[in-house]
Amino acid sequence: MSRSIPGSLVSRVLRTVDRVSPPAVAEAHCDIPCGIYDPHLMQIAALTVVRMNQLIDGLEPPVEGSHTADHVRYHNSLTRYILVKEEHAELVKREARIIWGDYFKPEHVEKYPDLHATVWNIMKLAGKNRQEVNAAAADELLAATHRFAEIFWDSKGAKSSKQPSRQAVGGEIVLPS
């Protein structure tokens, strides 16, 4: 016959800790939670989409009858630029979803009535940038991420400003002041 032990030492210690210091509910984007949110990565991803459009537009197709290696180099570069453009457009969507879904609360939506429309616009523009080589759409995506970053930093009580990206692509990013 087995004898029931009222609780292991570990269980008793954990219950005591819970009574002395009850666990608090915490929320964050990674569900650990780490509490770290920043629209910087989203803006860098949007700048990358802009840059890939620049590189694609600057590619010189090989001339008719040129060496096979020239065609291979051209198609290799084009394929890589398109792949990176698509990956970074998707990263923009992912980062917007995380911050929008995990950080922003109903009181933010009241204060920033264009928040949902801004996120929707980012999602649509990121999709368009995956589908097309379109420099104007890439610029629109970057501008939408700027608006999102302005809302984000304001919601944290921080002033923000556009600063030069200092990247090969040029452009700006919104940073807290």
Protein backbone atom coordinates (compact mmCIF):
# COMPACT_ATOMS: atom_id res chain seq x y z
CA MET A 1 0.00 0.00 0.00
CA SER A 2 1.43 3.34 -0.98
CA ARG A 3 1.45 6.12 1.47
CA SER A 4 0.35 9.54 0.25
CA ILE A 5 2.83 12.31 0.97
CA PRO A 6 1.03 15.64 1.54
CA GLY A 7 3.39 17.45 -0.83
CA SER A 8 6.99 17.43 -1.79
CA LEU A 9 9.41 19.91 -0.32
CA VAL A 10 9.65 21.68 -3.68
CA SER A 11 5.86 22.05 -3.92
CA ARG A 12 5.67 23.46 -0.40
CA VAL A 13 8.47 25.93 -1.08
CA LEU A 14 6.83 27.10 -4.33
CA ARG A 15 3.45 27.55 -2.64
CA THR A 16 5.14 29.58 0.10
CA VAL A 17 6.89 31.76 -2.48
CA ASP A 18 3.56 32.30 -4.28
CA ARG A 19 1.90 33.40 -1.02
CA VAL A 20 4.75 35.73 -0.06
CA SER A 21 5.22 37.18 -3.52
CA PRO A 22 2.27 36.40 -5.82
CA PRO A 23 3.14 36.22 -9.52
CA ALA A 24 2.13 39.24 -11.60
CA VAL A 25 0.65 39.14 -15.07
CA ALA A 26 3.16 40.34 -17.65
CA GLU A 27 2.71 40.95 -21.35
CA ALA A 28 5.25 41.30 -24.17
CA HIS A 29 5.76 40.54 -27.85
CA CYS A 30 7.76 37.37 -27.35
CA ASP A 31 5.41 35.84 -24.78
CA ILE A 32 8.30 35.30 -22.34
CA PRO A 33 7.69 38.29 -21.63
CA CYS A 34 10.66 40.55 -22.25
CA GLY A 35 8.70 43.81 -22.62
CA ILE A 36 10.92 45.02 -25.47
CA TYR A 37 9.19 46.78 -28.35
CA ASP A 38 10.80 49.02 -30.93
CA PRO A 39 9.75 49.86 -34.50
CA HIS A 40 13.39 50.24 -35.58
CA LEU A 41 13.65 46.79 -37.19
CA MET A 42 10.44 47.43 -39.15
CA GLN A 43 11.89 50.66 -40.55
CA ILE A 44 15.21 49.02 -41.44
CA ALA A 45 13.28 46.26 -43.22
CA ALA A 46 11.30 48.89 -45.16
CA LEU A 47 14.56 50.65 -46.09
CA THR A 48 15.84 47.30 -47.34
CA VAL A 49 12.76 46.97 -49.58
CA VAL A 50 13.52 50.44 -50.97
CA ARG A 51 17.17 49.48 -51.50
CA MET A 52 16.34 46.23 -53.28
CA ASN A 53 14.11 48.19 -55.68
CA GLN A 54 17.04 50.55 -56.31
CA LEU A 55 19.39 47.64 -56.99
CA ILE A 56 16.88 45.91 -59.27
CA ASP A 57 16.30 49.14 -61.20
CA GLY A 58 20.08 49.54 -61.57
CA LEU A 59 20.72 46.05 -62.93
CA GLU A 60 21.95 46.06 -66.51
CA PRO A 61 20.58 43.09 -68.43
CA PRO A 62 23.23 41.28 -70.43
CA VAL A 63 23.38 42.20 -74.08
CA GLU A 64 22.03 39.79 -76.64
CA GLY A 65 24.61 37.17 -77.53
CA SER A 66 26.80 37.84 -74.50
CA HIS A 67 28.56 35.08 -72.61
CA THR A 68 26.40 32.66 -70.62
CA ALA A 69 28.21 33.69 -67.42
CA ASP A 70 26.89 37.26 -67.86
CA HIS A 71 23.33 35.93 -68.04
CA VAL A 72 23.89 33.73 -64.99
CA ARG A 73 25.32 36.67 -62.99
CA TYR A 74 22.39 38.89 -63.99
CA HIS A 75 19.74 36.31 -63.10
CA ASN A 76 21.54 35.41 -59.87
CA SER A 77 21.60 39.06 -58.76
CA LEU A 78 18.00 39.66 -59.80
CA THR A 79 16.82 36.53 -57.97
CA ARG A 80 18.71 37.45 -54.81
CA TYR A 81 17.40 41.05 -54.80
CA ILE A 82 13.83 39.85 -55.25
CA LEU A 83 14.20 37.28 -52.48
CA VAL A 84 15.61 39.83 -50.03
CA LYS A 85 12.91 42.34 -51.00
CA GLU A 86 10.19 39.79 -50.30
CA GLU A 87 11.73 38.61 -47.02
CA HIS A 88 12.04 42.15 -45.72
CA ALA A 89 8.53 43.12 -46.80
CA GLU A 90 7.31 40.13 -44.79
CA LEU A 91 9.49 41.22 -41.85
CA VAL A 92 7.79 44.63 -41.94
CA LYS A 93 4.43 42.86 -41.62
CA ARG A 94 5.66 40.64 -38.80
CA GLU A 95 7.07 43.51 -36.75
CA ALA A 96 3.94 45.62 -37.26
CA ARG A 97 1.75 42.69 -36.17
CA ILE A 98 3.78 42.07 -33.03
CA ILE A 99 3.78 45.66 -31.83
CA TRP A 100 0.19 46.30 -32.89
CA GLY A 101 -1.15 43.11 -31.35
CA ASP A 102 0.96 42.85 -28.22
CA TYR A 103 1.96 46.39 -27.26
CA PHE A 104 -0.91 48.66 -28.28
CA LYS A 105 -3.95 48.66 -25.99
CA PRO A 106 -7.51 50.03 -26.37
CA GLU A 107 -6.49 53.34 -24.80
CA HIS A 108 -3.88 53.77 -27.54
CA VAL A 109 -6.54 53.24 -30.22
CA GLU A 110 -8.62 55.99 -28.60
CA LYS A 111 -5.65 58.36 -28.55
CA TYR A 112 -4.47 57.43 -32.07
CA PRO A 113 -7.62 56.82 -34.14
CA ASP A 114 -5.56 56.18 -37.29
CA LEU A 115 -3.60 53.33 -35.65
CA HIS A 116 -5.63 50.48 -37.18
CA ALA A 117 -5.66 52.14 -40.61
CA THR A 118 -1.90 52.69 -40.38
CA VAL A 119 -1.30 49.00 -39.63
CA TRP A 120 -3.73 47.93 -42.36
CA ASN A 121 -1.90 50.20 -44.81
CA ILE A 122 1.46 48.70 -43.80
CA MET A 123 0.09 45.20 -44.38
CA LYS A 124 -1.30 46.08 -47.81
CA LEU A 125 1.83 47.96 -48.89
CA ALA A 126 4.13 45.19 -47.69
CA GLY A 127 2.08 42.70 -49.71
CA LYS A 128 2.24 44.93 -52.77
CA ASN A 129 6.01 45.17 -52.37
CA ARG A 130 6.27 41.40 -52.29
CA GLN A 131 4.24 41.16 -55.51
CA GLU A 132 5.87 43.93 -57.51
CA VAL A 133 9.10 45.72 -58.26
CA ASN A 134 7.74 49.17 -57.54
CA ALA A 135 9.91 51.97 -56.15
CA ALA A 136 6.91 54.20 -55.40
CA ALA A 137 5.22 51.43 -53.38
CA ALA A 138 8.49 50.87 -51.48
CA ASP A 139 8.64 54.58 -50.61
CA GLU A 140 5.00 54.45 -49.47
CA LEU A 141 5.79 51.46 -47.26
CA LEU A 142 8.68 53.32 -45.66
CA ALA A 143 6.45 56.36 -45.06
CA ALA A 144 3.81 54.14 -43.43
CA THR A 145 6.43 52.65 -41.09
CA HIS A 146 7.45 56.20 -40.20
CA ARG A 147 3.88 57.03 -39.18
CA PHE A 148 3.70 53.83 -37.13
CA ALA A 149 6.98 54.71 -35.39
CA GLU A 150 5.73 58.24 -34.63
CA ILE A 151 2.59 56.81 -33.00
CA PHE A 152 4.65 54.24 -31.09
CA TRP A 153 7.12 56.72 -29.64
CA ASP A 154 4.38 59.19 -28.76
CA SER A 155 2.50 56.41 -26.93
CA LYS A 156 5.61 55.92 -24.79
CA GLY A 157 5.75 59.64 -24.01
CA ALA A 158 8.80 60.22 -26.19
CA LYS A 159 9.16 62.87 -28.83
CA SER A 160 10.43 61.53 -32.12
CA SER A 161 12.05 62.93 -35.21
CA LYS A 162 13.12 61.76 -38.62
CA GLN A 163 16.86 61.27 -38.87
CA PRO A 164 19.01 60.31 -41.85
CA SER A 165 19.30 56.54 -42.05
CA ARG A 166 23.02 56.75 -42.86
CA GLN A 167 22.56 53.67 -45.04
CA ALA A 168 23.46 53.16 -48.71
CA VAL A 169 19.77 53.45 -49.55
CA GLY A 170 19.52 56.99 -48.17
CA GLY A 171 16.17 57.87 -46.66
CA GLU A 172 15.23 58.49 -43.07
CA ILE A 173 14.10 56.63 -39.98
CA VAL A 174 12.02 57.86 -37.05
CA LEU A 175 13.88 57.76 -33.76
CA PRO A 176 13.00 58.91 -30.26
CA SER A 177 14.54 62.30 -29.48
